[in-house]
C-alpha atoms as a PDB file:
ATOM      1  CA  MET A   1      74.612  85.707 100.092  1.00  0.00           C
ATOM      2  CA  PRO A   2      74.599  83.449 103.184  1.00  0.00           C
ATOM      3  CA  ILE A   3      74.913  80.432 100.879  1.00  0.00           C
ATOM      4  CA  LEU A   4      78.036  81.962  99.289  1.00  0.00           C
ATOM      5  CA  ILE A   5      79.614  82.529 102.711  1.00  0.00           C
ATOM      6  CA  ALA A   6      78.779  78.943 103.706  1.00  0.00           C
ATOM      7  CA  LEU A   7      80.311  77.588 100.478  1.00  0.00           C
ATOM      8  CA  VAL A   8      83.499  79.622 100.956  1.00  0.00           C
ATOM      9  CA  ASN A   9      83.721  78.423 104.565  1.00  0.00           C
ATOM     10  CA  LEU A  10      83.196  74.819 103.440  1.00  0.00           C
ATOM     11  CA  ALA A  11      85.859  75.147 100.724  1.00  0.00           C
ATOM     12  CA  ILE A  12      88.366  76.567 103.216  1.00  0.00           C
ATOM     13  CA  LEU A  13      87.502  73.800 105.691  1.00  0.00           C
ATOM     14  CA  VAL A  14      87.991  71.044 103.110  1.00  0.00           C
ATOM     15  CA  ALA A  15      91.251  72.549 101.825  1.00  0.00           C
ATOM     16  CA  THR A  16      92.543  72.847 105.385  1.00  0.00           C
ATOM     17  CA  LEU A  17      91.603  69.281 106.314  1.00  0.00           C
ATOM     18  CA  VAL A  18      93.219  67.915 103.163  1.00  0.00           C
ATOM     19  CA  ASP A  19      96.356  69.931 103.837  1.00  0.00           C
ATOM     20  CA  ILE A  20      96.577  68.733 107.444  1.00  0.00           C
ATOM     21  CA  ILE A  21      96.078  65.093 106.465  1.00  0.00           C
ATOM     22  CA  ARG A  22      98.619  65.180 103.629  1.00  0.00           C
ATOM     23  CA  ARG A  23     101.285  67.113 105.541  1.00  0.00           C
ATOM     24  CA  PRO A  24     104.027  65.003 107.204  1.00  0.00           C
ATOM     25  CA  GLU A  25     104.533  65.335 110.944  1.00  0.00           C
ATOM     26  CA  GLY A  26     107.723  67.341 110.397  1.00  0.00           C
ATOM     27  CA  GLY A  27     105.764  70.029 108.572  1.00  0.00           C
ATOM     28  CA  ILE A  28     103.415  70.784 111.469  1.00  0.00           C
ATOM     29  CA  ARG A  29     104.130  73.281 114.216  1.00  0.00           C
ATOM     30  CA  PHE A  30     102.910  73.759 117.806  1.00  0.00           C
ATOM     31  CA  MET A  31     100.478  70.802 118.089  1.00  0.00           C
ATOM     32  CA  PRO A  32     100.192  67.221 116.813  1.00  0.00           C
ATOM     33  CA  LYS A  33      98.267  66.524 113.634  1.00  0.00           C
ATOM     34  CA  VAL A  34      95.279  64.991 115.464  1.00  0.00           C
ATOM     35  CA  VAL A  35      94.863  68.064 117.662  1.00  0.00           C
ATOM     36  CA  TRP A  36      94.923  70.338 114.610  1.00  0.00           C
ATOM     37  CA  LEU A  37      92.240  68.170 112.975  1.00  0.00           C
ATOM     38  CA  ILE A  38      90.029  68.460 116.055  1.00  0.00           C
ATOM     39  CA  VAL A  39      90.532  72.233 116.271  1.00  0.00           C
ATOM     40  CA  VAL A  40      89.672  72.700 112.598  1.00  0.00           C
ATOM     41  CA  ILE A  41      86.595  70.483 112.815  1.00  0.00           C
ATOM     42  CA  LEU A  42      85.261  72.140 115.993  1.00  0.00           C
ATOM     43  CA  LEU A  43      86.084  75.714 114.924  1.00  0.00           C
ATOM     44  CA  PRO A  44      85.945  75.591 111.123  1.00  0.00           C
ATOM     45  CA  PHE A  45      86.783  79.159 110.136  1.00  0.00           C
ATOM     46  CA  ILE A  46      88.968  80.159 113.095  1.00  0.00           C
ATOM     47  CA  GLY A  47      90.701  76.767 113.128  1.00  0.00           C
ATOM     48  CA  SER A  48      91.440  77.031 109.413  1.00  0.00           C
ATOM     49  CA  VAL A  49      92.883  80.514 109.779  1.00  0.00           C
ATOM     50  CA  LEU A  50      94.989  79.399 112.728  1.00  0.00           C
ATOM     51  CA  TRP A  51      96.232  76.395 110.761  1.00  0.00           C
ATOM     52  CA  TRP A  52      97.315  78.439 107.746  1.00  0.00           C
ATOM     53  CA  ILE A  53      98.987  81.098 109.924  1.00  0.00           C
ATOM     54  CA  LEU A  54     100.458  79.122 112.833  1.00  0.00           C
ATOM     55  CA  GLY A  55     100.258  75.383 112.286  1.00  0.00           C
ATOM     56  CA  ARG A  56     101.693  74.871 108.839  1.00  0.00           C
ATOM     57  CA  GLU A  57     105.447  74.781 108.332  1.00  0.00           C
ATOM     58  CA  TYR A  58     106.297  76.577 105.124  1.00  0.00           C
ATOM     59  CA  ALA A  59     109.386  75.748 103.097  1.00  0.00           C
ATOM     60  CA  PRO A  60     112.053  78.446 103.242  1.00  0.00           C
ATOM     61  CA  ARG A  61     111.937  80.677 100.214  1.00  0.00           C
ATOM     62  CA  GLN A  62     114.891  82.146  98.434  1.00  0.00           C
ATOM     63  CA  VAL A  63     114.745  85.905  98.548  1.00  0.00           C
ATOM     64  CA  GLN A  64     114.498  87.452  95.116  1.00  0.00           C
ATOM     65  CA  THR A  65     115.322  91.054  94.580  1.00  0.00           C
ATOM     66  CA  THR A  66     114.289  93.052  91.571  1.00  0.00           C
ATOM     67  CA  ARG A  67     116.902  95.694  92.218  1.00  0.00           C
ATOM     68  CA  TYR A  68     119.665  93.848  90.385  1.00  0.00           C
ATOM     69  CA  PRO A  69     118.794  91.272  87.748  1.00  0.00           C
ATOM     70  CA  GLU A  70     121.214  88.345  87.679  1.00  0.00           C
ATOM     71  CA  ARG A  71     123.034  89.623  84.626  1.00  0.00           C
ATOM     72  CA  MET A  72     123.552  93.004  86.300  1.00  0.00           C
ATOM     73  CA  ALA A  73     124.395  91.772  89.797  1.00  0.00           C
ATOM     74  CA  PRO A  74     126.766  94.031  91.710  1.00  0.00           C
ATOM     75  CA  PRO A  75     130.291  92.694  92.061  1.00  0.00           C
ATOM     76  CA  ARG A  76     130.880  90.650  95.161  1.00  0.00           C
ATOM     77  CA  ARG A  77     133.336  92.139  97.601  1.00  0.00           C
ATOM     78  CA  ALA A  78     135.927  90.013  99.307  1.00  0.00           C
ATOM     79  CA  VAL A  79     135.295  89.707 103.017  1.00  0.00           C
ATOM     80  CA  ASP A  80     138.277  90.738 105.124  1.00  0.00           C
ATOM     81  CA  THR A  81     138.765  88.090 107.785  1.00  0.00           C
ATOM     82  CA  ARG A  82     141.800  89.690 109.421  1.00  0.00           C
ATOM     83  CA  THR A  83     141.591  90.881 112.998  1.00  0.00           C
ATOM     84  CA  THR A  84     141.634  94.562 113.841  1.00  0.00           C
ATOM     85  CA  GLU A  85     145.186  94.266 115.141  1.00  0.00           C
ATOM     86  CA  GLN A  86     146.336  92.715 111.866  1.00  0.00           C
ATOM     87  CA  GLN A  87     144.619  95.445 109.863  1.00  0.00           C
ATOM     88  CA  LEU A  88     146.240  98.163 112.005  1.00  0.00           C
ATOM     89  CA  ALA A  89     149.658  96.528 111.652  1.00  0.00           C
ATOM     90  CA  ASP A  90     149.252  96.431 107.866  1.00  0.00           C
ATOM     91  CA  LEU A  91     148.223 100.088 107.839  1.00  0.00           C
ATOM     92  CA  GLU A  92     151.246 101.098 109.944  1.00  0.00           C
ATOM     93  CA  ARG A  93     153.540  99.120 107.620  1.00  0.00           C
ATOM     94  CA  GLU A  94     152.069 100.902 104.595  1.00  0.00           C
ATOM     95  CA  GLU A  95     152.598 104.277 106.288  1.00  0.00           C
ATOM     96  CA  ARG A  96     156.264 103.406 107.065  1.00  0.00           C
ATOM     97  CA  GLU A  97     156.799 102.296 103.451  1.00  0.00           C
ATOM     98  CA  ALA A  98     155.298 105.551 102.170  1.00  0.00           C
ATOM     99  CA  LYS A  99     157.604 107.593 104.458  1.00  0.00           C
ATOM    100  CA  LEU A 100     160.630 105.567 103.315  1.00  0.00           C
ATOM    101  CA  ARG A 101     159.709 106.136  99.647  1.00  0.00           C
ATOM    102  CA  GLU A 102     159.420 109.871 100.323  1.00  0.00           C
ATOM    103  CA  GLU A 103     162.803 109.852 102.088  1.00  0.00           C
ATOM    104  CA  ILE A 104     164.427 107.976  99.182  1.00  0.00           C
ATOM    105  CA  ALA A 105     162.902 110.408  96.678  1.00  0.00           C
ATOM    106  CA  ARG A 106     164.112 113.397  98.777  1.00  0.00           C
ATOM    107  CA  ARG A 107     167.679 112.030  99.021  1.00  0.00           C
ATOM    108  CA  ARG A 108     167.814 111.312  95.288  1.00  0.00           C
ATOM    109  CA  ALA A 109     166.669 114.850  94.618  1.00  0.00           C
ATOM    110  CA  GLN A 110     169.442 116.199  96.913  1.00  0.00           C
ATOM    111  CA  ARG A 111     172.072 114.136  95.101  1.00  0.00           C
ATOM    112  CA  GLY A 112     170.813 115.341  91.754  1.00  0.00           C
ATOM    113  CA  GLU A 113     169.732 112.003  90.348  1.00  0.00           C
END
């Protein structure tokens, strides 16, 4: 059992060192590459865990949802970019138009049309 733990620790150490060496400087966070190498060599298990959690810059992933498959995607709604004042003015105009239509319909009914 101790040999298995040592082999797993060695495999993680080697994978971490290879990843640090192959990673470009832009893909490393918080410390320079040389410092990460020293940390991983001096503290093999803890340094490896820290590298994989904190030091490595992961590529942004595209979020995939299983709720709507692509062929059944919900329709996209148009985003209203008007200001609140413009929206209120449009609403007031619609209300005036509705009142005018009612007034026209009432007058036509009075005339007998």
